[in-house]
Amino acid sequence: GDYRLSDRYPLVLGSPWYTPSLLDEPGQGHCVRGELFTVDAE
């Protein structure tokens, strides 16, 4: 399903490939929205 982080983190685009990154800076930014999946260890 569609989920969001419970806490705020900054979401940015980084160079040189316009790659999205969630920065390890809790309490800043937004409660970023995304998708939740389940996977095995492999």
PDB file of all heavy atoms in Angstrom:
ATOM      1  N   GLY A   1       0.802  -1.216   0.000  1.00  0.00           N
ATOM      2  CA  GLY A   1       0.000   0.000   0.000  1.00  0.00           C
ATOM      3  C   GLY A   1       0.834   1.264   0.000  1.00  0.00           C
ATOM      4  O   GLY A   1       2.060   1.237   0.046  1.00  0.00           O
ATOM      5  N   ASP A   2       0.106   2.385  -0.040  1.00  0.00           N
ATOM      6  CA  ASP A   2       0.729   3.699   0.012  1.00  0.00           C
ATOM      7  C   ASP A   2       0.905   4.096   1.471  1.00  0.00           C
ATOM      8  O   ASP A   2      -0.051   4.077   2.251  1.00  0.00           O
ATOM      9  CB  ASP A   2      -0.125   4.729  -0.719  1.00  0.00           C
ATOM     10  CG  ASP A   2      -0.178   4.475  -2.216  1.00  0.00           C
ATOM     11  OD1 ASP A   2       0.804   3.946  -2.768  1.00  0.00           O
ATOM     12  OD2 ASP A   2      -1.200   4.811  -2.831  1.00  0.00           O
ATOM     13  N   TYR A   3       2.120   4.486   1.814  1.00  0.00           N
ATOM     14  CA  TYR A   3       2.474   4.811   3.195  1.00  0.00           C
ATOM     15  C   TYR A   3       3.242   6.121   3.220  1.00  0.00           C
ATOM     16  O   TYR A   3       3.620   6.651   2.181  1.00  0.00           O
ATOM     17  CB  TYR A   3       3.341   3.703   3.802  1.00  0.00           C
ATOM     18  CG  TYR A   3       2.548   2.527   4.312  1.00  0.00           C
ATOM     19  CD1 TYR A   3       1.874   1.683   3.443  1.00  0.00           C
ATOM     20  CD2 TYR A   3       2.480   2.264   5.678  1.00  0.00           C
ATOM     21  CE1 TYR A   3       1.147   0.608   3.919  1.00  0.00           C
ATOM     22  CE2 TYR A   3       1.755   1.180   6.161  1.00  0.00           C
ATOM     23  CZ  TYR A   3       1.093   0.363   5.278  1.00  0.00           C
ATOM     24  OH  TYR A   3       0.368  -0.693   5.754  1.00  0.00           O
ATOM     25  N   ARG A   4       3.470   6.618   4.404  1.00  0.00           N
ATOM     26  CA  ARG A   4       4.349   7.764   4.618  1.00  0.00           C
ATOM     27  C   ARG A   4       5.194   7.490   5.846  1.00  0.00           C
ATOM     28  O   ARG A   4       4.815   6.705   6.717  1.00  0.00           O
ATOM     29  CB  ARG A   4       3.570   9.061   4.761  1.00  0.00           C
ATOM     30  CG  ARG A   4       2.817   9.171   6.056  1.00  0.00           C
ATOM     31  CD  ARG A   4       2.198  10.557   6.217  1.00  0.00           C
ATOM     32  NE  ARG A   4       1.147  10.468   7.195  1.00  0.00           N
ATOM     33  CZ  ARG A   4      -0.132  10.658   6.957  1.00  0.00           C
ATOM     34  NH1 ARG A   4      -0.535  10.983   5.752  1.00  0.00           N
ATOM     35  NH2 ARG A   4      -1.023  10.536   7.905  1.00  0.00           N
ATOM     36  N   LEU A   5       6.324   8.164   5.921  1.00  0.00           N
ATOM     37  CA  LEU A   5       7.162   8.060   7.111  1.00  0.00           C
ATOM     38  C   LEU A   5       6.441   8.692   8.290  1.00  0.00           C
ATOM     39  O   LEU A   5       5.745   9.696   8.137  1.00  0.00           O
ATOM     40  CB  LEU A   5       8.503   8.760   6.889  1.00  0.00           C
ATOM     41  CG  LEU A   5       9.414   8.159   5.820  1.00  0.00           C
ATOM     42  CD1 LEU A   5      10.647   9.035   5.633  1.00  0.00           C
ATOM     43  CD2 LEU A   5       9.817   6.741   6.192  1.00  0.00           C
ATOM     44  N   SER A   6       6.620   8.131   9.466  1.00  0.00           N
ATOM     45  CA  SER A   6       5.997   8.684  10.667  1.00  0.00           C
ATOM     46  C   SER A   6       6.677   9.968  11.118  1.00  0.00           C
ATOM     47  O   SER A   6       6.060  10.800  11.783  1.00  0.00           O
ATOM     48  CB  SER A   6       6.034   7.657  11.807  1.00  0.00           C
ATOM     49  OG  SER A   6       5.323   6.504  11.445  1.00  0.00           O
ATOM     50  N   ASP A   7       7.945  10.126  10.782  1.00  0.00           N
ATOM     51  CA  ASP A   7       8.713  11.321  11.138  1.00  0.00           C
ATOM     52  C   ASP A   7       9.145  12.065   9.884  1.00  0.00           C
ATOM     53  O   ASP A   7       9.179  11.499   8.787  1.00  0.00           O
ATOM     54  CB  ASP A   7       9.961  10.938  11.955  1.00  0.00           C
ATOM     55  CG  ASP A   7       9.601  10.346  13.307  1.00  0.00           C
ATOM     56  OD1 ASP A   7       8.697  10.888  13.976  1.00  0.00           O
ATOM     57  OD2 ASP A   7      10.210   9.330  13.689  1.00  0.00           O
ATOM     58  N   ARG A   8       9.525  13.307  10.058  1.00  0.00           N
ATOM     59  CA  ARG A   8       9.947  14.151   8.934  1.00  0.00           C
ATOM     60  C   ARG A   8      11.419  13.908   8.601  1.00  0.00           C
ATOM     61  O   ARG A   8      12.250  13.779   9.503  1.00  0.00           O
ATOM     62  CB  ARG A   8       9.733  15.626   9.269  1.00  0.00           C
ATOM     63  CG  ARG A   8       8.271  15.974   9.435  1.00  0.00           C
ATOM     64  CD  ARG A   8       8.046  17.447   9.787  1.00  0.00           C
ATOM     65  NE  ARG A   8       8.676  17.763  11.060  1.00  0.00           N
ATOM     66  CZ  ARG A   8       9.468  18.809  11.268  1.00  0.00           C
ATOM     67  NH1 ARG A   8       9.732  19.659  10.296  1.00  0.00           N
ATOM     68  NH2 ARG A   8      10.007  19.021  12.456  1.00  0.00           N
ATOM     69  N   TYR A   9      11.692  13.848   7.292  1.00  0.00           N
ATOM     70  CA  TYR A   9      13.049  13.734   6.761  1.00  0.00           C
ATOM     71  C   TYR A   9      13.119  14.546   5.473  1.00  0.00           C
ATOM     72  O   TYR A   9      12.144  14.595   4.717  1.00  0.00           O
ATOM     73  CB  TYR A   9      13.404  12.274   6.433  1.00  0.00           C
ATOM     74  CG  TYR A   9      13.685  11.428   7.641  1.00  0.00           C
ATOM     75  CD1 TYR A   9      12.653  10.858   8.370  1.00  0.00           C
ATOM     76  CD2 TYR A   9      14.986  11.209   8.070  1.00  0.00           C
ATOM     77  CE1 TYR A   9      12.907  10.088   9.500  1.00  0.00           C
ATOM     78  CE2 TYR A   9      15.254  10.447   9.199  1.00  0.00           C
ATOM     79  CZ  TYR A   9      14.209   9.891   9.900  1.00  0.00           C
ATOM     80  OH  TYR A   9      14.474   9.135  11.017  1.00  0.00           O
ATOM     81  N   PRO A  10      14.277  15.151   5.164  1.00  0.00           N
ATOM     82  CA  PRO A  10      14.409  15.870   3.898  1.00  0.00           C
ATOM     83  C   PRO A  10      14.536  14.895   2.717  1.00  0.00           C
ATOM     84  O   PRO A  10      15.270  13.913   2.794  1.00  0.00           O
ATOM     85  CB  PRO A  10      15.708  16.668   4.053  1.00  0.00           C
ATOM     86  CG  PRO A  10      16.094  16.562   5.488  1.00  0.00           C
ATOM     87  CD  PRO A  10      15.425  15.340   6.032  1.00  0.00           C
ATOM     88  N   LEU A  11      13.832  15.203   1.653  1.00  0.00           N
ATOM     89  CA  LEU A  11      13.900  14.458   0.398  1.00  0.00           C
ATOM     90  C   LEU A  11      14.498  15.396  -0.644  1.00  0.00           C
ATOM     91  O   LEU A  11      13.968  16.490  -0.868  1.00  0.00           O
ATOM     92  CB  LEU A  11      12.511  13.990  -0.023  1.00  0.00           C
ATOM     93  CG  LEU A  11      12.396  13.216  -1.332  1.00  0.00           C
ATOM     94  CD1 LEU A  11      13.196  11.916  -1.278  1.00  0.00           C
ATOM     95  CD2 LEU A  11      10.927  12.926  -1.642  1.00  0.00           C
ATOM     96  N   VAL A  12      15.599  14.979  -1.258  1.00  0.00           N
ATOM     97  CA  VAL A  12      16.314  15.850  -2.193  1.00  0.00           C
ATOM     98  C   VAL A  12      16.667  15.108  -3.476  1.00  0.00           C
ATOM     99  O   VAL A  12      16.678  13.874  -3.507  1.00  0.00           O
ATOM    100  CB  VAL A  12      17.612  16.411  -1.553  1.00  0.00           C
ATOM    101  CG1 VAL A  12      17.300  17.201  -0.285  1.00  0.00           C
ATOM    102  CG2 VAL A  12      18.614  15.300  -1.264  1.00  0.00           C
ATOM    103  N   LEU A  13      16.980  15.881  -4.503  1.00  0.00           N
ATOM    104  CA  LEU A  13      17.576  15.346  -5.728  1.00  0.00           C
ATOM    105  C   LEU A  13      19.050  15.687  -5.694  1.00  0.00           C
ATOM    106  O   LEU A  13      19.421  16.841  -5.480  1.00  0.00           O
ATOM    107  CB  LEU A  13      16.945  15.974  -6.978  1.00  0.00           C
ATOM    108  CG  LEU A  13      15.504  15.622  -7.273  1.00  0.00           C
ATOM    109  CD1 LEU A  13      15.055  16.328  -8.548  1.00  0.00           C
ATOM    110  CD2 LEU A  13      15.319  14.133  -7.393  1.00  0.00           C
ATOM    111  N   GLY A  14      19.885  14.663  -5.888  1.00  0.00           N
ATOM    112  CA  GLY A  14      21.325  14.874  -5.862  1.00  0.00           C
ATOM    113  C   GLY A  14      21.951  14.713  -7.227  1.00  0.00           C
ATOM    114  O   GLY A  14      21.432  14.006  -8.084  1.00  0.00           O
ATOM    115  N   SER A  15      23.071  15.379  -7.417  1.00  0.00           N
ATOM    116  CA  SER A  15      23.798  15.277  -8.672  1.00  0.00           C
ATOM    117  C   SER A  15      24.694  14.038  -8.633  1.00  0.00           C
ATOM    118  O   SER A  15      24.947  13.497  -7.560  1.00  0.00           O
ATOM    119  CB  SER A  15      24.643  16.535  -8.897  1.00  0.00           C
ATOM    120  OG  SER A  15      25.692  16.588  -7.948  1.00  0.00           O
ATOM    121  N   PRO A  16      25.152  13.606  -9.774  1.00  0.00           N
ATOM    122  CA  PRO A  16      24.956  14.190 -11.091  1.00  0.00           C
ATOM    123  C   PRO A  16      23.792  13.593 -11.878  1.00  0.00           C
ATOM    124  O   PRO A  16      23.554  13.992 -13.006  1.00  0.00           O
ATOM    125  CB  PRO A  16      26.285  13.881 -11.785  1.00  0.00           C
ATOM    126  CG  PRO A  16      26.710  12.570 -11.204  1.00  0.00           C
ATOM    127  CD  PRO A  16      26.217  12.594  -9.772  1.00  0.00           C
ATOM    128  N   TRP A  17      23.034  12.648 -11.292  1.00  0.00           N
ATOM    129  CA  TRP A  17      22.017  11.919 -12.064  1.00  0.00           C
ATOM    130  C   TRP A  17      20.589  12.236 -11.644  1.00  0.00           C
ATOM    131  O   TRP A  17      19.674  11.506 -11.996  1.00  0.00           O
ATOM    132  CB  TRP A  17      22.271  10.412 -11.962  1.00  0.00           C
ATOM    133  CG  TRP A  17      23.625  10.036 -12.458  1.00  0.00           C
ATOM    134  CD1 TRP A  17      24.087  10.153 -13.739  1.00  0.00           C
ATOM    135  CD2 TRP A  17      24.705   9.523 -11.694  1.00  0.00           C
ATOM    136  NE1 TRP A  17      25.392   9.723 -13.813  1.00  0.00           N
ATOM    137  CE2 TRP A  17      25.802   9.326 -12.560  1.00  0.00           C
ATOM    138  CE3 TRP A  17      24.869   9.179 -10.354  1.00  0.00           C
ATOM    139  CZ2 TRP A  17      27.023   8.826 -12.146  1.00  0.00           C
ATOM    140  CZ3 TRP A  17      26.083   8.684  -9.939  1.00  0.00           C
ATOM    141  CH2 TRP A  17      27.142   8.513 -10.832  1.00  0.00           C
ATOM    142  N   TYR A  18      20.379  13.292 -10.867  1.00  0.00           N
ATOM    143  CA  TYR A  18      19.048  13.656 -10.370  1.00  0.00           C
ATOM    144  C   TYR A  18      18.428  12.504  -9.578  1.00  0.00           C
ATOM    145  O   TYR A  18      17.279  12.156  -9.729  1.00  0.00           O
ATOM    146  CB  TYR A  18      18.131  14.092 -11.510  1.00  0.00           C
ATOM    147  CG  TYR A  18      18.521  15.440 -12.060  1.00  0.00           C
ATOM    148  CD1 TYR A  18      19.456  15.547 -13.074  1.00  0.00           C
ATOM    149  CD2 TYR A  18      17.972  16.605 -11.537  1.00  0.00           C
ATOM    150  CE1 TYR A  18      19.841  16.778 -13.578  1.00  0.00           C
ATOM    151  CE2 TYR A  18      18.349  17.842 -12.028  1.00  0.00           C
ATOM    152  CZ  TYR A  18      19.283  17.918 -13.047  1.00  0.00           C
ATOM    153  OH  TYR A  18      19.656  19.139 -13.525  1.00  0.00           O
ATOM    154  N   THR A  19      19.241  11.921  -8.726  1.00  0.00           N
ATOM    155  CA  THR A  19      18.837  10.785  -7.915  1.00  0.00           C
ATOM    156  C   THR A  19      18.128  11.252  -6.648  1.00  0.00           C
ATOM    157  O   THR A  19      18.655  12.089  -5.924  1.00  0.00           O
ATOM    158  CB  THR A  19      20.075   9.957  -7.525  1.00  0.00           C
ATOM    159  OG1 THR A  19      20.763   9.581  -8.710  1.00  0.00           O
ATOM    160  CG2 THR A  19      19.680   8.709  -6.762  1.00  0.00           C
ATOM    161  N   PRO A  20      16.939  10.700  -6.360  1.00  0.00           N
ATOM    162  CA  PRO A  20      16.272  11.064  -5.114  1.00  0.00           C
ATOM    163  C   PRO A  20      16.970  10.420  -3.916  1.00  0.00           C
ATOM    164  O   PRO A  20      17.384   9.267  -3.977  1.00  0.00           O
ATOM    165  CB  PRO A  20      14.862  10.519  -5.286  1.00  0.00           C
ATOM    166  CG  PRO A  20      15.003   9.398  -6.250  1.00  0.00           C
ATOM    167  CD  PRO A  20      16.145   9.766  -7.154  1.00  0.00           C
ATOM    168  N   SER A  21      17.112  11.192  -2.862  1.00  0.00           N
ATOM    169  CA  SER A  21      17.735  10.695  -1.636  1.00  0.00           C
ATOM    170  C   SER A  21      16.978  11.234  -0.430  1.00  0.00           C
ATOM    171  O   SER A  21      16.632  12.413  -0.383  1.00  0.00           O
ATOM    172  CB  SER A  21      19.195  11.139  -1.539  1.00  0.00           C
ATOM    173  OG  SER A  21      19.975  10.570  -2.557  1.00  0.00           O
ATOM    174  N   LEU A  22      16.779  10.361   0.522  1.00  0.00           N
ATOM    175  CA  LEU A  22      16.229  10.745   1.814  1.00  0.00           C
ATOM    176  C   LEU A  22      17.428  10.970   2.726  1.00  0.00           C
ATOM    177  O   LEU A  22      18.257  10.077   2.880  1.00  0.00           O
ATOM    178  CB  LEU A  22      15.349   9.611   2.345  1.00  0.00           C
ATOM    179  CG  LEU A  22      14.466   9.910   3.535  1.00  0.00           C
ATOM    180  CD1 LEU A  22      13.390  10.925   3.172  1.00  0.00           C
ATOM    181  CD2 LEU A  22      13.825   8.620   4.019  1.00  0.00           C
ATOM    182  N   LEU A  23      17.544  12.168   3.274  1.00  0.00           N
ATOM    183  CA  LEU A  23      18.701  12.491   4.099  1.00  0.00           C
ATOM    184  C   LEU A  23      18.480  12.067   5.542  1.00  0.00           C
ATOM    185  O   LEU A  23      17.374  12.198   6.081  1.00  0.00           O
ATOM    186  CB  LEU A  23      18.996  13.989   4.042  1.00  0.00           C
ATOM    187  CG  LEU A  23      19.342  14.541   2.665  1.00  0.00           C
ATOM    188  CD1 LEU A  23      19.638  16.039   2.753  1.00  0.00           C
ATOM    189  CD2 LEU A  23      20.523  13.803   2.054  1.00  0.00           C
ATOM    190  N   ASP A  24      19.518  11.593   6.175  1.00  0.00           N
ATOM    191  CA  ASP A  24      19.453  11.153   7.565  1.00  0.00           C
ATOM    192  C   ASP A  24      19.483  12.371   8.491  1.00  0.00           C
ATOM    193  O   ASP A  24      20.453  12.615   9.196  1.00  0.00           O
ATOM    194  CB  ASP A  24      20.601  10.193   7.881  1.00  0.00           C
ATOM    195  CG  ASP A  24      20.443   9.536   9.241  1.00  0.00           C
ATOM    196  OD1 ASP A  24      19.373   9.673   9.855  1.00  0.00           O
ATOM    197  OD2 ASP A  24      21.401   8.885   9.691  1.00  0.00           O
ATOM    198  N   GLU A  25      18.396  13.120   8.444  1.00  0.00           N
ATOM    199  CA  GLU A  25      18.238  14.326   9.256  1.00  0.00           C
ATOM    200  C   GLU A  25      16.823  14.343   9.827  1.00  0.00           C
ATOM    201  O   GLU A  25      15.966  15.116   9.393  1.00  0.00           O
ATOM    202  CB  GLU A  25      18.535  15.573   8.425  1.00  0.00           C
ATOM    203  CG  GLU A  25      19.960  15.585   7.891  1.00  0.00           C
ATOM    204  CD  GLU A  25      20.247  16.722   6.917  1.00  0.00           C
ATOM    205  OE1 GLU A  25      19.367  17.577   6.660  1.00  0.00           O
ATOM    206  OE2 GLU A  25      21.388  16.748   6.411  1.00  0.00           O
ATOM    207  N   PRO A  26      16.534  13.460  10.806  1.00  0.00           N
ATOM    208  CA  PRO A  26      15.185  13.369  11.346  1.00  0.00           C
ATOM    209  C   PRO A  26      14.723  14.694  11.945  1.00  0.00           C
ATOM    210  O   PRO A  26      15.513  15.454  12.491  1.00  0.00           O
ATOM    211  CB  PRO A  26      15.289  12.282  12.410  1.00  0.00           C
ATOM    212  CG  PRO A  26      16.739  12.059  12.656  1.00  0.00           C
ATOM    213  CD  PRO A  26      17.475  12.572  11.465  1.00  0.00           C
ATOM    214  N   GLY A  27      13.420  14.953  11.783  1.00  0.00           N
ATOM    215  CA  GLY A  27      12.824  16.164  12.318  1.00  0.00           C
ATOM    216  C   GLY A  27      12.834  17.325  11.343  1.00  0.00           C
ATOM    217  O   GLY A  27      12.233  18.359  11.605  1.00  0.00           O
ATOM    218  N   GLN A  28      13.499  17.159  10.200  1.00  0.00           N
ATOM    219  CA  GLN A  28      13.519  18.194   9.164  1.00  0.00           C
ATOM    220  C   GLN A  28      12.753  17.674   7.958  1.00  0.00           C
ATOM    221  O   GLN A  28      12.548  16.480   7.809  1.00  0.00           O
ATOM    222  CB  GLN A  28      14.955  18.524   8.783  1.00  0.00           C
ATOM    223  CG  GLN A  28      15.784  19.046   9.942  1.00  0.00           C
ATOM    224  CD  GLN A  28      17.197  19.360   9.514  1.00  0.00           C
ATOM    225  OE1 GLN A  28      17.430  19.900   8.432  1.00  0.00           O
ATOM    226  NE2 GLN A  28      18.152  19.024  10.359  1.00  0.00           N
ATOM    227  N   GLY A  29      12.340  18.570   7.084  1.00  0.00           N
ATOM    228  CA  GLY A  29      11.673  18.140   5.862  1.00  0.00           C
ATOM    229  C   GLY A  29      10.218  17.789   6.077  1.00  0.00           C
ATOM    230  O   GLY A  29       9.495  18.496   6.769  1.00  0.00           O
ATOM    231  N   HIS A  30       9.805  16.661   5.495  1.00  0.00           N
ATOM    232  CA  HIS A  30       8.391  16.260   5.469  1.00  0.00           C
ATOM    233  C   HIS A  30       8.252  14.789   5.841  1.00  0.00           C
ATOM    234  O   HIS A  30       9.224  14.035   5.795  1.00  0.00           O
ATOM    235  CB  HIS A  30       7.816  16.463   4.063  1.00  0.00           C
ATOM    236  CG  HIS A  30       7.884  17.878   3.594  1.00  0.00           C
ATOM    237  ND1 HIS A  30       6.931  18.804   3.908  1.00  0.00           N
ATOM    238  CD2 HIS A  30       8.815  18.524   2.848  1.00  0.00           C
ATOM    239  CE1 HIS A  30       7.256  19.959   3.380  1.00  0.00           C
ATOM    240  NE2 HIS A  30       8.408  19.817   2.723  1.00  0.00           N
ATOM    241  N   CYS A  31       7.038  14.386   6.135  1.00  0.00           N
ATOM    242  CA  CYS A  31       6.709  12.961   6.292  1.00  0.00           C
ATOM    243  C   CYS A  31       6.537  12.419   4.871  1.00  0.00           C
ATOM    244  O   CYS A  31       5.449  12.473   4.295  1.00  0.00           O
ATOM    245  CB  CYS A  31       5.447  12.770   7.130  1.00  0.00           C
ATOM    246  SG  CYS A  31       5.656  13.266   8.854  1.00  0.00           S
ATOM    247  N   VAL A  32       7.617  11.953   4.313  1.00  0.00           N
ATOM    248  CA  VAL A  32       7.697  11.581   2.900  1.00  0.00           C
ATOM    249  C   VAL A  32       6.766  10.423   2.597  1.00  0.00           C
ATOM    250  O   VAL A  32       6.678   9.448   3.339  1.00  0.00           O
ATOM    251  CB  VAL A  32       9.158  11.232   2.527  1.00  0.00           C
ATOM    252  CG1 VAL A  32       9.261  10.681   1.117  1.00  0.00           C
ATOM    253  CG2 VAL A  32      10.039  12.467   2.695  1.00  0.00           C
ATOM    254  N   ARG A  33       6.052  10.551   1.467  1.00  0.00           N
ATOM    255  CA  ARG A  33       5.138   9.505   0.996  1.00  0.00           C
ATOM    256  C   ARG A  33       5.877   8.537   0.080  1.00  0.00           C
ATOM    257  O   ARG A  33       6.781   8.921  -0.645  1.00  0.00           O
ATOM    258  CB  ARG A  33       3.964  10.113   0.236  1.00  0.00           C
ATOM    259  CG  ARG A  33       3.048  10.930   1.109  1.00  0.00           C
ATOM    260  CD  ARG A  33       1.867  11.464   0.336  1.00  0.00           C
ATOM    261  NE  ARG A  33       2.308  12.543  -0.555  1.00  0.00           N
ATOM    262  CZ  ARG A  33       1.824  12.732  -1.779  1.00  0.00           C
ATOM    263  NH1 ARG A  33       0.922  11.915  -2.286  1.00  0.00           N
ATOM    264  NH2 ARG A  33       2.266  13.731  -2.512  1.00  0.00           N
ATOM    265  N   GLY A  34       5.456   7.272   0.133  1.00  0.00           N
ATOM    266  CA  GLY A  34       6.032   6.259  -0.730  1.00  0.00           C
ATOM    267  C   GLY A  34       5.172   5.017  -0.717  1.00  0.00           C
ATOM    268  O   GLY A  34       3.970   5.082  -0.435  1.00  0.00           O
ATOM    269  N   GLU A  35       5.784   3.885  -1.008  1.00  0.00           N
ATOM    270  CA  GLU A  35       5.065   2.617  -1.103  1.00  0.00           C
ATOM    271  C   GLU A  35       5.748   1.578  -0.228  1.00  0.00           C
ATOM    272  O   GLU A  35       6.965   1.562  -0.096  1.00  0.00           O
ATOM    273  CB  GLU A  35       5.039   2.142  -2.554  1.00  0.00           C
ATOM    274  CG  GLU A  35       4.327   3.116  -3.464  1.00  0.00           C
ATOM    275  CD  GLU A  35       4.420   2.764  -4.934  1.00  0.00           C
ATOM    276  OE1 GLU A  35       5.242   1.908  -5.321  1.00  0.00           O
ATOM    277  OE2 GLU A  35       3.662   3.362  -5.703  1.00  0.00           O
ATOM    278  N   LEU A  36       4.929   0.697   0.337  1.00  0.00           N
ATOM    279  CA  LEU A  36       5.434  -0.353   1.208  1.00  0.00           C
ATOM    280  C   LEU A  36       5.312  -1.696   0.505  1.00  0.00           C
ATOM    281  O   LEU A  36       4.269  -2.014  -0.072  1.00  0.00           O
ATOM    282  CB  LEU A  36       4.647  -0.361   2.525  1.00  0.00           C
ATOM    283  CG  LEU A  36       5.236  -1.186   3.657  1.00  0.00           C
ATOM    284  CD1 LEU A  36       6.561  -0.584   4.121  1.00  0.00           C
ATOM    285  CD2 LEU A  36       4.258  -1.261   4.822  1.00  0.00           C
ATOM    286  N   PHE A  37       6.401  -2.456   0.549  1.00  0.00           N
ATOM    287  CA  PHE A  37       6.464  -3.783  -0.056  1.00  0.00           C
ATOM    288  C   PHE A  37       6.982  -4.768   0.976  1.00  0.00           C
ATOM    289  O   PHE A  37       7.585  -4.376   1.975  1.00  0.00           O
ATOM    290  CB  PHE A  37       7.412  -3.789  -1.260  1.00  0.00           C
ATOM    291  CG  PHE A  37       6.932  -2.974  -2.423  1.00  0.00           C
ATOM    292  CD1 PHE A  37       7.202  -1.622  -2.496  1.00  0.00           C
ATOM    293  CD2 PHE A  37       6.217  -3.569  -3.445  1.00  0.00           C
ATOM    294  CE1 PHE A  37       6.770  -0.859  -3.571  1.00  0.00           C
ATOM    295  CE2 PHE A  37       5.774  -2.819  -4.527  1.00  0.00           C
ATOM    296  CZ  PHE A  37       6.052  -1.459  -4.587  1.00  0.00           C
ATOM    297  N   THR A  38       6.789  -6.034   0.702  1.00  0.00           N
ATOM    298  CA  THR A  38       7.388  -7.075   1.525  1.00  0.00           C
ATOM    299  C   THR A  38       8.330  -7.895   0.654  1.00  0.00           C
ATOM    300  O   THR A  38       8.022  -8.185  -0.511  1.00  0.00           O
ATOM    301  CB  THR A  38       6.314  -7.960   2.206  1.00  0.00           C
ATOM    302  OG1 THR A  38       6.953  -8.908   3.042  1.00  0.00           O
ATOM    303  CG2 THR A  38       5.437  -8.672   1.218  1.00  0.00           C
ATOM    304  N   VAL A  39       9.502  -8.215   1.213  1.00  0.00           N
ATOM    305  CA  VAL A  39      10.517  -8.951   0.469  1.00  0.00           C
ATOM    306  C   VAL A  39      11.130 -10.015   1.372  1.00  0.00           C
ATOM    307  O   VAL A  39      11.055  -9.928   2.590  1.00  0.00           O
ATOM    308  CB  VAL A  39      11.641  -8.020  -0.058  1.00  0.00           C
ATOM    309  CG1 VAL A  39      11.082  -6.969  -1.003  1.00  0.00           C
ATOM    310  CG2 VAL A  39      12.401  -7.365   1.075  1.00  0.00           C
ATOM    311  N   ASP A  40      11.766 -11.022   0.749  1.00  0.00           N
ATOM    312  CA  ASP A  40      12.494 -12.011   1.538  1.00  0.00           C
ATOM    313  C   ASP A  40      13.938 -11.540   1.722  1.00  0.00           C
ATOM    314  O   ASP A  40      14.342 -10.493   1.202  1.00  0.00           O
ATOM    315  CB  ASP A  40      12.426 -13.398   0.889  1.00  0.00           C
ATOM    316  CG  ASP A  40      13.028 -13.465  -0.501  1.00  0.00           C
ATOM    317  OD1 ASP A  40      13.851 -12.588  -0.880  1.00  0.00           O
ATOM    318  OD2 ASP A  40      12.698 -14.414  -1.226  1.00  0.00           O
ATOM    319  N   ALA A  41      14.715 -12.299   2.469  1.00  0.00           N
ATOM    320  CA  ALA A  41      16.092 -11.904   2.791  1.00  0.00           C
ATOM    321  C   ALA A  41      16.950 -11.775   1.538  1.00  0.00           C
ATOM    322  O   ALA A  41      17.781 -10.862   1.432  1.00  0.00           O
ATOM    323  CB  ALA A  41      16.713 -12.901   3.770  1.00  0.00           C
ATOM    324  N   GLU A  42      16.766 -12.657   0.574  1.00  0.00           N
ATOM    325  CA  GLU A  42      17.548 -12.596  -0.662  1.00  0.00           C
ATOM    326  C   GLU A  42      17.255 -11.320  -1.433  1.00  0.00           C
ATOM    327  O   GLU A  42      18.158 -10.657  -1.944  1.00  0.00           O
ATOM    328  CB  GLU A  42      17.247 -13.833  -1.525  1.00  0.00           C
ATOM    329  CG  GLU A  42      18.057 -13.892  -2.791  1.00  0.00           C
ATOM    330  CD  GLU A  42      17.772 -15.154  -3.601  1.00  0.00           C
ATOM    331  OE1 GLU A  42      17.153 -16.096  -3.075  1.00  0.00           O
ATOM    332  OE2 GLU A  42      18.189 -15.175  -4.760  1.00  0.00           O
TER     333      GLU A  42
END
